[in-house]
Amino acid sequence: MTRRVVALAGGAGFKDIVRTMGTQRISALPVVDPAHHVIGVVSEADVLRKEEFRDSDGDRQRDFRSRYAEGRAKARAVTAEDLMTTPAVTVHPEAPLARAARLMARRRVKRLPVVDHDGVLQGIVSRADLLRVFLRPDTDIAGEVRREIVGGRFPEGLASLGVEVHEGVVTLTGRVPDASLVPLAERLVRSVEGVVDVRCVPTGTGAARTRPW
C-alpha cells in the first residue's frame, strides 16, 4: 500500500475536491473525520453527478426525483461529506492482495483505503499496487513457497518436493506419498503473492502438468 495518502476533511468544498483530484492526479479520495477515521470516499463519478443532473427540470426533474434521488442529491452537494459514497469500501493492512483485488473488481473501485481495526486511515491500495506484486523477484517467491508451503504446511508429506521459479511460474518436482496433497499444494502456492502459474512435474516424466491460472 501507499502510506502517504491525500485525504479530504468532511467540510472540504467542491472546488477544492476537484482541484485536489486534478493536481494530485487521483481518481478517488478518502474522506476522514477529525480523528482520521474513514467515513467515505469521493470519486470522479461522484463529482460528475453535478454535470449529469445540471439541466434536470420540469417533467424530467420529476422523473429524476423518482429514479435518481441519490444522484440528484449529490449533484446539489457542495462539501465532501455531502458528496461522498458511504460506507467506504476498505481493507485492513494484513489483508492479502488477492482479497483487495477481488474487492476492487466486485465493487468496481480503483482505490481502497487501508484502515486499522478502529477504522483509522493507514494508507491506500491502488490498481498499480496490485500490478506491482507481479514484479516480485523469483528468489523471494521460491523462498516463501519453500518456507511457508512446503516446510510450513507439509513438513513431512512434501519434504522431498523441489521448488523452482522462473518469471513467476512455480514448478514443483518430486514424489509425494499421498497424491491427494498435490491439488492442495497447488492451490496454496497460487495464493503466494507474485505467482503467475503453477506446474507439477512428477519424478520420472518429462512433461509438465499445467493448470490454467
N, C-alpha and C. Protein backbone atom coordinates (compact mmCIF):
# COMPACT_ATOMS: atom_id res chain seq x y z
N MET A 1 0.83 -1.19 0.00
CA MET A 1 0.00 0.00 0.00
C MET A 1 0.87 1.25 0.00
N THR A 2 0.30 2.36 -0.37
CA THR A 2 0.95 3.66 -0.30
C THR A 2 0.57 4.30 1.03
N ARG A 3 1.59 4.66 1.83
CA ARG A 3 1.31 5.19 3.17
C ARG A 3 1.03 6.68 3.17
N ARG A 4 1.57 7.40 2.20
CA ARG A 4 1.27 8.83 2.10
C ARG A 4 -0.03 9.00 1.33
N VAL A 5 -1.08 9.40 2.03
CA VAL A 5 -2.42 9.44 1.43
C VAL A 5 -2.95 10.87 1.44
N VAL A 6 -3.48 11.30 0.31
CA VAL A 6 -4.18 12.58 0.23
C VAL A 6 -5.63 12.30 0.60
N ALA A 7 -6.08 12.92 1.69
CA ALA A 7 -7.44 12.70 2.18
C ALA A 7 -8.17 14.03 2.30
N LEU A 8 -9.48 13.95 2.38
CA LEU A 8 -10.32 15.14 2.50
C LEU A 8 -10.98 15.19 3.87
N ALA A 9 -11.12 16.40 4.40
CA ALA A 9 -11.97 16.60 5.56
C ALA A 9 -13.42 16.65 5.08
N GLY A 10 -14.34 16.30 5.96
CA GLY A 10 -15.75 16.28 5.56
C GLY A 10 -16.24 17.62 5.05
N GLY A 11 -15.66 18.72 5.54
CA GLY A 11 -16.10 20.04 5.13
C GLY A 11 -15.41 20.60 3.91
N ALA A 12 -14.55 19.81 3.26
CA ALA A 12 -13.85 20.29 2.07
C ALA A 12 -14.85 20.71 1.00
N GLY A 13 -14.60 21.86 0.37
CA GLY A 13 -15.52 22.38 -0.63
C GLY A 13 -15.39 21.69 -1.98
N PHE A 14 -16.44 21.84 -2.80
CA PHE A 14 -16.49 21.15 -4.08
C PHE A 14 -15.30 21.49 -4.97
N LYS A 15 -14.98 22.79 -5.08
CA LYS A 15 -13.88 23.17 -5.96
C LYS A 15 -12.54 22.69 -5.41
N ASP A 16 -12.40 22.65 -4.10
CA ASP A 16 -11.17 22.12 -3.51
C ASP A 16 -11.00 20.64 -3.85
N ILE A 17 -12.13 19.91 -3.85
CA ILE A 17 -12.09 18.48 -4.20
C ILE A 17 -11.62 18.31 -5.63
N VAL A 18 -12.23 19.05 -6.54
CA VAL A 18 -11.87 18.94 -7.96
C VAL A 18 -10.42 19.37 -8.17
N ARG A 19 -10.01 20.43 -7.51
CA ARG A 19 -8.64 20.92 -7.64
C ARG A 19 -7.63 19.87 -7.14
N THR A 20 -7.94 19.24 -6.02
CA THR A 20 -7.05 18.23 -5.47
C THR A 20 -6.94 17.02 -6.39
N MET A 21 -8.07 16.58 -6.93
CA MET A 21 -8.04 15.46 -7.88
C MET A 21 -7.18 15.79 -9.08
N GLY A 22 -7.29 17.03 -9.57
CA GLY A 22 -6.54 17.43 -10.76
C GLY A 22 -5.06 17.55 -10.50
N THR A 23 -4.67 18.24 -9.41
CA THR A 23 -3.25 18.47 -9.14
C THR A 23 -2.55 17.19 -8.70
N GLN A 24 -3.25 16.32 -7.96
CA GLN A 24 -2.65 15.08 -7.47
C GLN A 24 -2.83 13.91 -8.44
N ARG A 25 -3.64 14.13 -9.47
CA ARG A 25 -3.93 13.07 -10.46
C ARG A 25 -4.45 11.81 -9.77
N ILE A 26 -5.46 12.01 -8.93
CA ILE A 26 -6.06 10.93 -8.16
C ILE A 26 -7.54 10.86 -8.50
N SER A 27 -8.03 9.65 -8.76
CA SER A 27 -9.42 9.47 -9.20
C SER A 27 -10.40 9.33 -8.05
N ALA A 28 -9.90 9.08 -6.84
CA ALA A 28 -10.79 8.93 -5.69
C ALA A 28 -10.03 9.31 -4.43
N LEU A 29 -10.73 9.94 -3.50
CA LEU A 29 -10.11 10.44 -2.27
C LEU A 29 -10.90 9.99 -1.05
N PRO A 30 -10.24 9.43 -0.03
CA PRO A 30 -10.95 9.09 1.20
C PRO A 30 -11.34 10.36 1.96
N VAL A 31 -12.45 10.28 2.65
CA VAL A 31 -12.91 11.39 3.49
C VAL A 31 -12.78 10.95 4.94
N VAL A 32 -12.15 11.77 5.77
CA VAL A 32 -11.89 11.38 7.16
C VAL A 32 -12.50 12.39 8.12
N ASP A 33 -12.81 11.90 9.33
CA ASP A 33 -13.28 12.79 10.39
C ASP A 33 -12.06 13.36 11.12
N PRO A 34 -12.25 14.22 12.13
CA PRO A 34 -11.10 14.82 12.82
C PRO A 34 -10.14 13.81 13.45
N ALA A 35 -10.61 12.59 13.75
CA ALA A 35 -9.75 11.57 14.34
C ALA A 35 -9.15 10.65 13.27
N HIS A 36 -9.30 11.02 12.00
CA HIS A 36 -8.74 10.28 10.86
C HIS A 36 -9.43 8.93 10.61
N HIS A 37 -10.65 8.78 11.10
CA HIS A 37 -11.45 7.60 10.74
C HIS A 37 -12.00 7.84 9.33
N VAL A 38 -11.97 6.81 8.49
CA VAL A 38 -12.51 6.93 7.13
C VAL A 38 -14.03 6.87 7.20
N ILE A 39 -14.68 7.91 6.71
CA ILE A 39 -16.14 7.96 6.76
C ILE A 39 -16.78 7.85 5.38
N GLY A 40 -15.96 7.89 4.33
CA GLY A 40 -16.50 7.77 2.98
C GLY A 40 -15.40 7.97 1.95
N VAL A 41 -15.79 7.94 0.69
CA VAL A 41 -14.85 8.16 -0.42
C VAL A 41 -15.55 9.03 -1.47
N VAL A 42 -14.82 10.00 -1.98
CA VAL A 42 -15.32 10.81 -3.10
C VAL A 42 -14.56 10.40 -4.35
N SER A 43 -15.29 10.01 -5.38
CA SER A 43 -14.67 9.60 -6.63
C SER A 43 -15.01 10.59 -7.74
N GLU A 44 -14.34 10.42 -8.88
CA GLU A 44 -14.66 11.25 -10.03
C GLU A 44 -16.12 11.10 -10.43
N ALA A 45 -16.67 9.88 -10.30
CA ALA A 45 -18.08 9.65 -10.65
C ALA A 45 -18.99 10.47 -9.76
N ASP A 46 -18.65 10.60 -8.47
CA ASP A 46 -19.46 11.42 -7.56
C ASP A 46 -19.43 12.88 -7.99
N VAL A 47 -18.24 13.37 -8.33
CA VAL A 47 -18.08 14.77 -8.73
C VAL A 47 -18.88 15.06 -10.00
N LEU A 48 -18.87 14.12 -10.93
CA LEU A 48 -19.54 14.35 -12.21
C LEU A 48 -21.06 14.33 -12.11
N ARG A 49 -21.60 13.94 -10.95
CA ARG A 49 -23.06 13.99 -10.77
C ARG A 49 -23.58 15.40 -11.00
N LYS A 50 -22.81 16.40 -10.61
CA LYS A 50 -23.27 17.79 -10.74
C LYS A 50 -23.51 18.14 -12.20
N GLU A 51 -22.64 17.66 -13.09
CA GLU A 51 -22.82 17.92 -14.52
C GLU A 51 -23.95 17.06 -15.09
N GLU A 52 -24.04 15.82 -14.61
CA GLU A 52 -25.06 14.89 -15.12
C GLU A 52 -26.47 15.41 -14.87
N PHE A 53 -26.69 16.04 -13.72
CA PHE A 53 -28.03 16.48 -13.35
C PHE A 53 -28.22 17.99 -13.48
N ARG A 54 -27.32 18.64 -14.20
CA ARG A 54 -27.35 20.10 -14.28
C ARG A 54 -28.65 20.64 -14.86
N ASP A 55 -29.18 20.01 -15.95
CA ASP A 55 -30.34 20.57 -16.65
C ASP A 55 -31.62 19.82 -16.35
N SER A 56 -31.72 19.17 -15.18
CA SER A 56 -32.94 18.41 -14.84
C SER A 56 -34.01 19.36 -14.33
N ASP A 57 -35.12 19.53 -15.09
CA ASP A 57 -36.21 20.39 -14.66
C ASP A 57 -37.52 19.86 -15.23
N GLY A 58 -38.65 20.42 -14.77
CA GLY A 58 -39.97 20.05 -15.26
C GLY A 58 -40.27 18.58 -15.08
N ASP A 59 -40.90 17.97 -16.11
CA ASP A 59 -41.25 16.55 -16.05
C ASP A 59 -39.99 15.71 -15.89
N ARG A 60 -38.92 16.16 -16.54
CA ARG A 60 -37.69 15.40 -16.46
C ARG A 60 -37.17 15.40 -15.01
N GLN A 61 -37.34 16.54 -14.32
CA GLN A 61 -36.90 16.61 -12.94
C GLN A 61 -37.71 15.67 -12.06
N ARG A 62 -39.01 15.56 -12.32
CA ARG A 62 -39.85 14.64 -11.55
C ARG A 62 -39.42 13.20 -11.79
N ASP A 63 -39.01 12.92 -13.03
CA ASP A 63 -38.52 11.58 -13.34
C ASP A 63 -37.24 11.29 -12.57
N PHE A 64 -36.34 12.27 -12.53
CA PHE A 64 -35.10 12.11 -11.77
C PHE A 64 -35.41 11.92 -10.29
N ARG A 65 -36.46 12.62 -9.81
CA ARG A 65 -36.79 12.53 -8.38
C ARG A 65 -37.13 11.11 -7.99
N SER A 66 -37.84 10.42 -8.87
CA SER A 66 -38.27 9.07 -8.55
C SER A 66 -37.19 8.03 -8.83
N ARG A 67 -36.35 8.29 -9.82
CA ARG A 67 -35.39 7.27 -10.26
C ARG A 67 -33.97 7.52 -9.77
N TYR A 68 -33.59 8.78 -9.59
CA TYR A 68 -32.20 9.09 -9.29
C TYR A 68 -32.08 10.04 -8.10
N ALA A 69 -32.79 9.76 -7.02
CA ALA A 69 -32.78 10.66 -5.87
C ALA A 69 -31.38 10.84 -5.31
N GLU A 70 -30.66 9.75 -5.20
CA GLU A 70 -29.31 9.84 -4.64
C GLU A 70 -28.39 10.65 -5.53
N GLY A 71 -28.48 10.41 -6.84
CA GLY A 71 -27.63 11.15 -7.77
C GLY A 71 -27.95 12.62 -7.77
N ARG A 72 -29.23 12.97 -7.67
CA ARG A 72 -29.63 14.37 -7.66
C ARG A 72 -29.15 15.06 -6.40
N ALA A 73 -29.19 14.31 -5.28
CA ALA A 73 -28.69 14.87 -4.02
C ALA A 73 -27.20 15.17 -4.11
N LYS A 74 -26.46 14.27 -4.74
CA LYS A 74 -25.03 14.51 -4.90
C LYS A 74 -24.78 15.68 -5.85
N ALA A 75 -25.65 15.87 -6.81
CA ALA A 75 -25.48 16.98 -7.74
C ALA A 75 -25.62 18.31 -7.03
N ARG A 76 -26.35 18.34 -5.90
CA ARG A 76 -26.52 19.57 -5.12
C ARG A 76 -25.44 19.74 -4.07
N ALA A 77 -24.61 18.71 -3.87
CA ALA A 77 -23.62 18.72 -2.80
C ALA A 77 -22.55 19.78 -3.03
N VAL A 78 -22.11 20.39 -1.93
CA VAL A 78 -21.04 21.39 -2.02
C VAL A 78 -19.87 21.04 -1.11
N THR A 79 -20.00 19.97 -0.31
CA THR A 79 -18.90 19.55 0.56
C THR A 79 -18.62 18.06 0.35
N ALA A 80 -17.45 17.63 0.79
CA ALA A 80 -17.08 16.23 0.66
C ALA A 80 -18.03 15.32 1.40
N GLU A 81 -18.47 15.74 2.58
CA GLU A 81 -19.35 14.90 3.39
C GLU A 81 -20.69 14.68 2.70
N ASP A 82 -21.18 15.68 1.97
CA ASP A 82 -22.44 15.52 1.24
C ASP A 82 -22.25 14.73 -0.06
N LEU A 83 -21.06 14.82 -0.62
CA LEU A 83 -20.81 14.23 -1.93
C LEU A 83 -20.34 12.78 -1.85
N MET A 84 -19.72 12.40 -0.75
CA MET A 84 -19.04 11.10 -0.65
C MET A 84 -19.99 9.91 -0.74
N THR A 85 -19.43 8.78 -1.15
CA THR A 85 -20.12 7.50 -1.11
C THR A 85 -19.77 6.84 0.22
N THR A 86 -20.80 6.39 0.93
CA THR A 86 -20.59 5.80 2.23
C THR A 86 -21.52 4.61 2.42
N PRO A 87 -21.13 3.56 3.16
CA PRO A 87 -19.82 3.42 3.81
C PRO A 87 -18.73 3.15 2.79
N ALA A 88 -17.51 3.53 3.15
CA ALA A 88 -16.38 3.31 2.25
C ALA A 88 -16.01 1.84 2.19
N VAL A 89 -15.57 1.39 1.01
CA VAL A 89 -15.04 0.04 0.86
C VAL A 89 -13.58 0.09 1.28
N THR A 90 -13.22 -0.65 2.32
CA THR A 90 -11.87 -0.58 2.88
C THR A 90 -11.29 -1.98 3.09
N VAL A 91 -9.99 -2.04 3.35
CA VAL A 91 -9.32 -3.29 3.73
C VAL A 91 -8.41 -3.01 4.91
N HIS A 92 -8.04 -4.07 5.62
CA HIS A 92 -7.09 -3.96 6.73
C HIS A 92 -5.67 -4.19 6.21
N PRO A 93 -4.66 -3.69 6.91
CA PRO A 93 -3.28 -3.83 6.44
C PRO A 93 -2.84 -5.26 6.22
N GLU A 94 -3.37 -6.20 7.01
CA GLU A 94 -2.94 -7.60 6.89
C GLU A 94 -3.70 -8.37 5.81
N ALA A 95 -4.64 -7.74 5.13
CA ALA A 95 -5.41 -8.44 4.10
C ALA A 95 -4.52 -8.81 2.92
N PRO A 96 -4.63 -10.03 2.38
CA PRO A 96 -3.85 -10.42 1.19
C PRO A 96 -4.22 -9.54 0.00
N LEU A 97 -3.27 -9.35 -0.90
CA LEU A 97 -3.54 -8.55 -2.09
C LEU A 97 -4.65 -9.16 -2.94
N ALA A 98 -4.75 -10.50 -2.91
CA ALA A 98 -5.80 -11.16 -3.68
C ALA A 98 -7.18 -10.70 -3.22
N ARG A 99 -7.34 -10.54 -1.91
CA ARG A 99 -8.63 -10.07 -1.38
C ARG A 99 -8.90 -8.63 -1.82
N ALA A 100 -7.86 -7.80 -1.79
CA ALA A 100 -8.02 -6.42 -2.25
C ALA A 100 -8.42 -6.38 -3.72
N ALA A 101 -7.81 -7.25 -4.52
CA ALA A 101 -8.14 -7.30 -5.95
C ALA A 101 -9.59 -7.72 -6.16
N ARG A 102 -10.06 -8.71 -5.39
CA ARG A 102 -11.45 -9.15 -5.52
C ARG A 102 -12.41 -8.04 -5.12
N LEU A 103 -12.09 -7.33 -4.05
CA LEU A 103 -12.94 -6.22 -3.62
C LEU A 103 -13.04 -5.14 -4.69
N MET A 104 -11.90 -4.80 -5.27
CA MET A 104 -11.90 -3.78 -6.33
C MET A 104 -12.76 -4.21 -7.50
N ALA A 105 -12.64 -5.48 -7.90
CA ALA A 105 -13.39 -5.97 -9.04
C ALA A 105 -14.89 -6.02 -8.73
N ARG A 106 -15.25 -6.52 -7.57
CA ARG A 106 -16.66 -6.68 -7.22
C ARG A 106 -17.35 -5.35 -6.98
N ARG A 107 -16.64 -4.42 -6.34
CA ARG A 107 -17.25 -3.13 -6.03
C ARG A 107 -16.94 -2.06 -7.07
N ARG A 108 -16.18 -2.44 -8.09
CA ARG A 108 -15.87 -1.55 -9.21
C ARG A 108 -15.23 -0.25 -8.74
N VAL A 109 -14.21 -0.39 -7.91
CA VAL A 109 -13.45 0.77 -7.44
C VAL A 109 -11.99 0.62 -7.85
N LYS A 110 -11.29 1.76 -7.95
CA LYS A 110 -9.90 1.76 -8.40
C LYS A 110 -8.93 1.91 -7.24
N ARG A 111 -9.43 2.37 -6.09
CA ARG A 111 -8.57 2.61 -4.94
C ARG A 111 -9.29 2.17 -3.66
N LEU A 112 -8.53 1.55 -2.75
CA LEU A 112 -9.09 1.07 -1.49
C LEU A 112 -8.36 1.71 -0.31
N PRO A 113 -9.04 2.45 0.54
CA PRO A 113 -8.40 2.92 1.77
C PRO A 113 -8.04 1.73 2.65
N VAL A 114 -6.87 1.81 3.27
CA VAL A 114 -6.43 0.79 4.22
C VAL A 114 -6.61 1.34 5.62
N VAL A 115 -7.39 0.66 6.44
CA VAL A 115 -7.69 1.15 7.79
C VAL A 115 -7.32 0.11 8.83
N ASP A 116 -7.02 0.57 10.06
CA ASP A 116 -6.79 -0.38 11.14
C ASP A 116 -8.12 -0.84 11.69
N HIS A 117 -8.10 -1.62 12.77
CA HIS A 117 -9.35 -2.19 13.28
C HIS A 117 -10.26 -1.16 13.95
N ASP A 118 -9.75 0.06 14.14
CA ASP A 118 -10.58 1.15 14.65
C ASP A 118 -11.10 2.04 13.54
N GLY A 119 -10.75 1.68 12.29
CA GLY A 119 -11.21 2.47 11.15
C GLY A 119 -10.36 3.68 10.84
N VAL A 120 -9.17 3.76 11.46
CA VAL A 120 -8.28 4.90 11.23
C VAL A 120 -7.47 4.67 9.95
N LEU A 121 -7.37 5.68 9.11
CA LEU A 121 -6.68 5.58 7.83
C LEU A 121 -5.19 5.29 8.01
N GLN A 122 -4.68 4.24 7.34
CA GLN A 122 -3.28 3.86 7.40
C GLN A 122 -2.57 4.02 6.06
N GLY A 123 -3.32 3.96 4.98
CA GLY A 123 -2.72 4.05 3.65
C GLY A 123 -3.78 3.80 2.60
N ILE A 124 -3.35 3.53 1.40
CA ILE A 124 -4.30 3.27 0.32
C ILE A 124 -3.68 2.27 -0.67
N VAL A 125 -4.52 1.41 -1.23
CA VAL A 125 -4.09 0.44 -2.24
C VAL A 125 -4.74 0.81 -3.57
N SER A 126 -3.94 0.90 -4.60
CA SER A 126 -4.45 1.22 -5.93
C SER A 126 -4.25 0.02 -6.86
N ARG A 127 -4.82 0.10 -8.04
CA ARG A 127 -4.62 -0.96 -9.03
C ARG A 127 -3.14 -1.10 -9.38
N ALA A 128 -2.43 0.03 -9.39
CA ALA A 128 -0.99 -0.02 -9.69
C ALA A 128 -0.25 -0.84 -8.64
N ASP A 129 -0.68 -0.74 -7.37
CA ASP A 129 -0.05 -1.53 -6.32
C ASP A 129 -0.26 -3.02 -6.56
N LEU A 130 -1.45 -3.38 -7.02
CA LEU A 130 -1.75 -4.79 -7.27
C LEU A 130 -0.93 -5.33 -8.43
N LEU A 131 -0.72 -4.51 -9.45
CA LEU A 131 0.09 -4.95 -10.58
C LEU A 131 1.56 -5.09 -10.19
N ARG A 132 2.00 -4.25 -9.26
CA ARG A 132 3.41 -4.24 -8.87
C ARG A 132 3.84 -5.55 -8.23
N VAL A 133 2.89 -6.28 -7.64
CA VAL A 133 3.24 -7.53 -6.97
C VAL A 133 3.82 -8.55 -7.95
N PHE A 134 3.43 -8.45 -9.23
CA PHE A 134 3.93 -9.42 -10.21
C PHE A 134 5.37 -9.13 -10.63
N LEU A 135 5.97 -8.06 -10.09
CA LEU A 135 7.39 -7.79 -10.31
C LEU A 135 8.24 -8.36 -9.18
N ARG A 136 7.60 -9.10 -8.28
CA ARG A 136 8.34 -9.68 -7.16
C ARG A 136 9.41 -10.64 -7.67
N PRO A 137 10.65 -10.58 -7.14
CA PRO A 137 11.73 -11.45 -7.63
C PRO A 137 11.42 -12.93 -7.45
N ASP A 138 11.86 -13.74 -8.41
CA ASP A 138 11.65 -15.18 -8.35
C ASP A 138 12.22 -15.79 -7.07
N THR A 139 13.39 -15.27 -6.63
CA THR A 139 14.02 -15.82 -5.43
C THR A 139 13.15 -15.61 -4.19
N ASP A 140 12.46 -14.47 -4.12
CA ASP A 140 11.57 -14.21 -2.98
C ASP A 140 10.38 -15.17 -3.01
N ILE A 141 9.82 -15.38 -4.20
CA ILE A 141 8.68 -16.29 -4.33
C ILE A 141 9.08 -17.70 -3.94
N ALA A 142 10.23 -18.17 -4.47
CA ALA A 142 10.70 -19.52 -4.17
C ALA A 142 10.94 -19.70 -2.68
N GLY A 143 11.53 -18.69 -2.05
CA GLY A 143 11.79 -18.77 -0.62
C GLY A 143 10.52 -18.90 0.18
N GLU A 144 9.49 -18.12 -0.19
CA GLU A 144 8.23 -18.19 0.55
C GLU A 144 7.53 -19.53 0.33
N VAL A 145 7.57 -20.04 -0.90
CA VAL A 145 6.94 -21.33 -1.17
C VAL A 145 7.61 -22.43 -0.35
N ARG A 146 8.95 -22.44 -0.33
CA ARG A 146 9.67 -23.48 0.43
C ARG A 146 9.41 -23.34 1.93
N ARG A 147 9.41 -22.12 2.40
CA ARG A 147 9.29 -21.87 3.83
C ARG A 147 7.86 -22.03 4.34
N GLU A 148 6.90 -21.40 3.65
CA GLU A 148 5.52 -21.35 4.14
C GLU A 148 4.67 -22.52 3.68
N ILE A 149 4.89 -22.99 2.45
CA ILE A 149 4.05 -24.06 1.90
C ILE A 149 4.66 -25.43 2.14
N VAL A 150 5.86 -25.62 1.58
CA VAL A 150 6.49 -26.94 1.69
C VAL A 150 6.90 -27.23 3.13
N GLY A 151 7.64 -26.32 3.74
CA GLY A 151 8.13 -26.56 5.09
C GLY A 151 7.11 -26.28 6.17
N GLY A 152 6.22 -25.31 5.95
CA GLY A 152 5.27 -24.93 6.98
C GLY A 152 4.00 -25.76 7.01
N ARG A 153 3.42 -25.99 5.85
CA ARG A 153 2.14 -26.70 5.78
C ARG A 153 2.31 -28.21 5.66
N PHE A 154 3.39 -28.65 4.99
CA PHE A 154 3.59 -30.08 4.74
C PHE A 154 5.02 -30.50 5.13
N PRO A 155 5.39 -30.31 6.39
CA PRO A 155 6.78 -30.59 6.77
C PRO A 155 7.22 -32.03 6.55
N GLU A 156 6.29 -32.97 6.50
CA GLU A 156 6.66 -34.37 6.28
C GLU A 156 6.21 -34.86 4.90
N GLY A 157 4.95 -34.59 4.56
CA GLY A 157 4.39 -35.15 3.33
C GLY A 157 5.04 -34.64 2.06
N LEU A 158 5.59 -33.39 2.08
CA LEU A 158 6.18 -32.84 0.87
C LEU A 158 7.65 -32.49 1.07
N ALA A 159 8.28 -33.20 1.99
CA ALA A 159 9.67 -32.87 2.32
C ALA A 159 10.60 -33.03 1.13
N SER A 160 10.29 -33.94 0.20
CA SER A 160 11.17 -34.18 -0.94
C SER A 160 10.79 -33.35 -2.17
N LEU A 161 9.86 -32.42 -2.01
CA LEU A 161 9.38 -31.63 -3.16
C LEU A 161 10.40 -30.56 -3.53
N GLY A 162 10.70 -30.46 -4.84
CA GLY A 162 11.58 -29.41 -5.33
C GLY A 162 10.78 -28.22 -5.81
N VAL A 163 11.35 -27.03 -5.62
CA VAL A 163 10.66 -25.79 -6.00
C VAL A 163 11.57 -24.95 -6.88
N GLU A 164 11.11 -24.64 -8.09
CA GLU A 164 11.83 -23.75 -8.98
C GLU A 164 10.87 -22.66 -9.46
N VAL A 165 11.40 -21.45 -9.62
CA VAL A 165 10.55 -20.34 -10.07
C VAL A 165 11.26 -19.59 -11.19
N HIS A 166 10.54 -19.37 -12.30
CA HIS A 166 11.08 -18.60 -13.42
C HIS A 166 10.00 -17.67 -13.94
N GLU A 167 10.27 -16.37 -13.88
CA GLU A 167 9.30 -15.35 -14.33
C GLU A 167 7.94 -15.53 -13.65
N GLY A 168 7.98 -15.88 -12.38
CA GLY A 168 6.74 -16.02 -11.62
C GLY A 168 6.05 -17.36 -11.74
N VAL A 169 6.53 -18.23 -12.64
CA VAL A 169 5.94 -19.56 -12.81
C VAL A 169 6.65 -20.54 -11.88
N VAL A 170 5.89 -21.14 -10.98
CA VAL A 170 6.45 -22.07 -9.99
C VAL A 170 6.32 -23.49 -10.52
N THR A 171 7.45 -24.22 -10.51
CA THR A 171 7.45 -25.62 -10.91
C THR A 171 7.75 -26.47 -9.68
N LEU A 172 6.84 -27.41 -9.39
CA LEU A 172 7.02 -28.33 -8.27
C LEU A 172 7.43 -29.68 -8.83
N THR A 173 8.53 -30.24 -8.32
CA THR A 173 9.02 -31.53 -8.80
C THR A 173 9.22 -32.48 -7.63
N GLY A 174 9.19 -33.79 -7.92
CA GLY A 174 9.45 -34.79 -6.89
C GLY A 174 8.30 -35.75 -6.70
N ARG A 175 8.39 -36.51 -5.64
CA ARG A 175 7.36 -37.51 -5.32
C ARG A 175 6.68 -37.13 -4.00
N VAL A 176 5.41 -37.49 -3.91
CA VAL A 176 4.69 -37.29 -2.65
C VAL A 176 4.04 -38.61 -2.26
N PRO A 177 3.99 -38.91 -0.95
CA PRO A 177 3.41 -40.18 -0.51
C PRO A 177 1.91 -40.25 -0.70
N ASP A 178 1.26 -39.09 -0.78
CA ASP A 178 -0.20 -39.06 -0.91
C ASP A 178 -0.56 -38.11 -2.04
N ALA A 179 -1.07 -38.64 -3.15
CA ALA A 179 -1.39 -37.82 -4.32
C ALA A 179 -2.46 -36.77 -4.04
N SER A 180 -3.27 -37.00 -3.00
CA SER A 180 -4.33 -36.04 -2.70
C SER A 180 -3.77 -34.71 -2.19
N LEU A 181 -2.47 -34.70 -1.80
CA LEU A 181 -1.85 -33.47 -1.32
C LEU A 181 -1.51 -32.52 -2.47
N VAL A 182 -1.38 -33.05 -3.68
CA VAL A 182 -0.91 -32.23 -4.81
C VAL A 182 -1.87 -31.08 -5.14
N PRO A 183 -3.19 -31.32 -5.31
CA PRO A 183 -4.09 -30.19 -5.61
C PRO A 183 -4.08 -29.14 -4.51
N LEU A 184 -3.98 -29.58 -3.26
CA LEU A 184 -3.95 -28.63 -2.15
C LEU A 184 -2.67 -27.79 -2.21
N ALA A 185 -1.55 -28.47 -2.48
CA ALA A 185 -0.28 -27.74 -2.58
C ALA A 185 -0.32 -26.72 -3.71
N GLU A 186 -0.88 -27.11 -4.85
CA GLU A 186 -1.00 -26.18 -5.98
C GLU A 186 -1.82 -24.96 -5.59
N ARG A 187 -2.94 -25.20 -4.94
CA ARG A 187 -3.83 -24.10 -4.55
C ARG A 187 -3.14 -23.14 -3.59
N LEU A 188 -2.38 -23.69 -2.63
CA LEU A 188 -1.68 -22.85 -1.67
C LEU A 188 -0.56 -22.05 -2.34
N VAL A 189 0.14 -22.70 -3.28
CA VAL A 189 1.21 -21.99 -3.98
C VAL A 189 0.64 -20.83 -4.80
N ARG A 190 -0.51 -21.04 -5.42
CA ARG A 190 -1.14 -19.98 -6.21
C ARG A 190 -1.50 -18.76 -5.35
N SER A 191 -1.70 -18.98 -4.06
CA SER A 191 -2.07 -17.88 -3.18
C SER A 191 -0.88 -17.00 -2.80
N VAL A 192 0.32 -17.44 -3.11
CA VAL A 192 1.52 -16.66 -2.79
C VAL A 192 1.60 -15.45 -3.72
N GLU A 193 1.85 -14.28 -3.17
CA GLU A 193 1.88 -13.06 -3.95
C GLU A 193 2.98 -13.11 -5.01
N GLY A 194 2.62 -12.78 -6.24
CA GLY A 194 3.56 -12.75 -7.35
C GLY A 194 3.57 -13.99 -8.21
N VAL A 195 2.88 -15.05 -7.77
CA VAL A 195 2.86 -16.29 -8.55
C VAL A 195 1.97 -16.11 -9.79
N VAL A 196 2.52 -16.45 -10.95
CA VAL A 196 1.79 -16.32 -12.21
C VAL A 196 1.10 -17.63 -12.59
N ASP A 197 1.78 -18.76 -12.36
CA ASP A 197 1.22 -20.06 -12.69
C ASP A 197 1.95 -21.11 -11.86
N VAL A 198 1.37 -22.32 -11.77
CA VAL A 198 1.97 -23.43 -11.03
C VAL A 198 1.98 -24.66 -11.93
N ARG A 199 3.12 -25.32 -11.98
CA ARG A 199 3.27 -26.54 -12.78
C ARG A 199 3.79 -27.67 -11.90
N CYS A 200 3.25 -28.86 -12.09
CA CYS A 200 3.69 -30.04 -11.36
C CYS A 200 4.37 -31.00 -12.32
N VAL A 201 5.59 -31.40 -11.99
CA VAL A 201 6.34 -32.35 -12.81
C VAL A 201 6.67 -33.55 -11.96
N PRO A 202 5.88 -34.63 -12.05
CA PRO A 202 6.18 -35.84 -11.27
C PRO A 202 7.54 -36.40 -11.65
N THR A 203 8.26 -36.94 -10.69
CA THR A 203 9.57 -37.54 -10.95
C THR A 203 9.44 -38.68 -11.96
N GLY A 204 10.34 -38.68 -12.94
CA GLY A 204 10.34 -39.76 -13.92
C GLY A 204 9.60 -39.43 -15.19
N THR A 205 9.00 -38.20 -15.30
CA THR A 205 8.32 -37.80 -16.52
C THR A 205 8.96 -36.53 -17.03
N GLY A 206 8.84 -36.32 -18.32
CA GLY A 206 9.47 -35.15 -18.91
C GLY A 206 8.49 -34.03 -19.20
N ALA A 207 7.19 -34.28 -19.06
CA ALA A 207 6.21 -33.26 -19.40
C ALA A 207 5.58 -32.69 -18.15
N ALA A 208 5.37 -31.41 -18.15
CA ALA A 208 4.75 -30.75 -17.01
C ALA A 208 3.24 -30.82 -17.13
N ARG A 209 2.60 -30.98 -15.99
CA ARG A 209 1.13 -30.91 -15.95
C ARG A 209 0.76 -29.50 -15.49
N THR A 210 0.13 -28.77 -16.36
CA THR A 210 -0.14 -27.36 -16.07
C THR A 210 -1.63 -27.14 -15.91
N ARG A 211 -1.98 -26.38 -14.89
CA ARG A 211 -3.38 -25.98 -14.71
C ARG A 211 -3.47 -24.48 -14.98
N PRO A 212 -4.49 -24.03 -15.71
CA PRO A 212 -4.58 -22.62 -16.07
C PRO A 212 -4.76 -21.74 -14.83
N TRP A 213 -4.22 -20.53 -14.90
CA TRP A 213 -4.34 -19.57 -13.81
C TRP A 213 -5.78 -19.16 -13.56
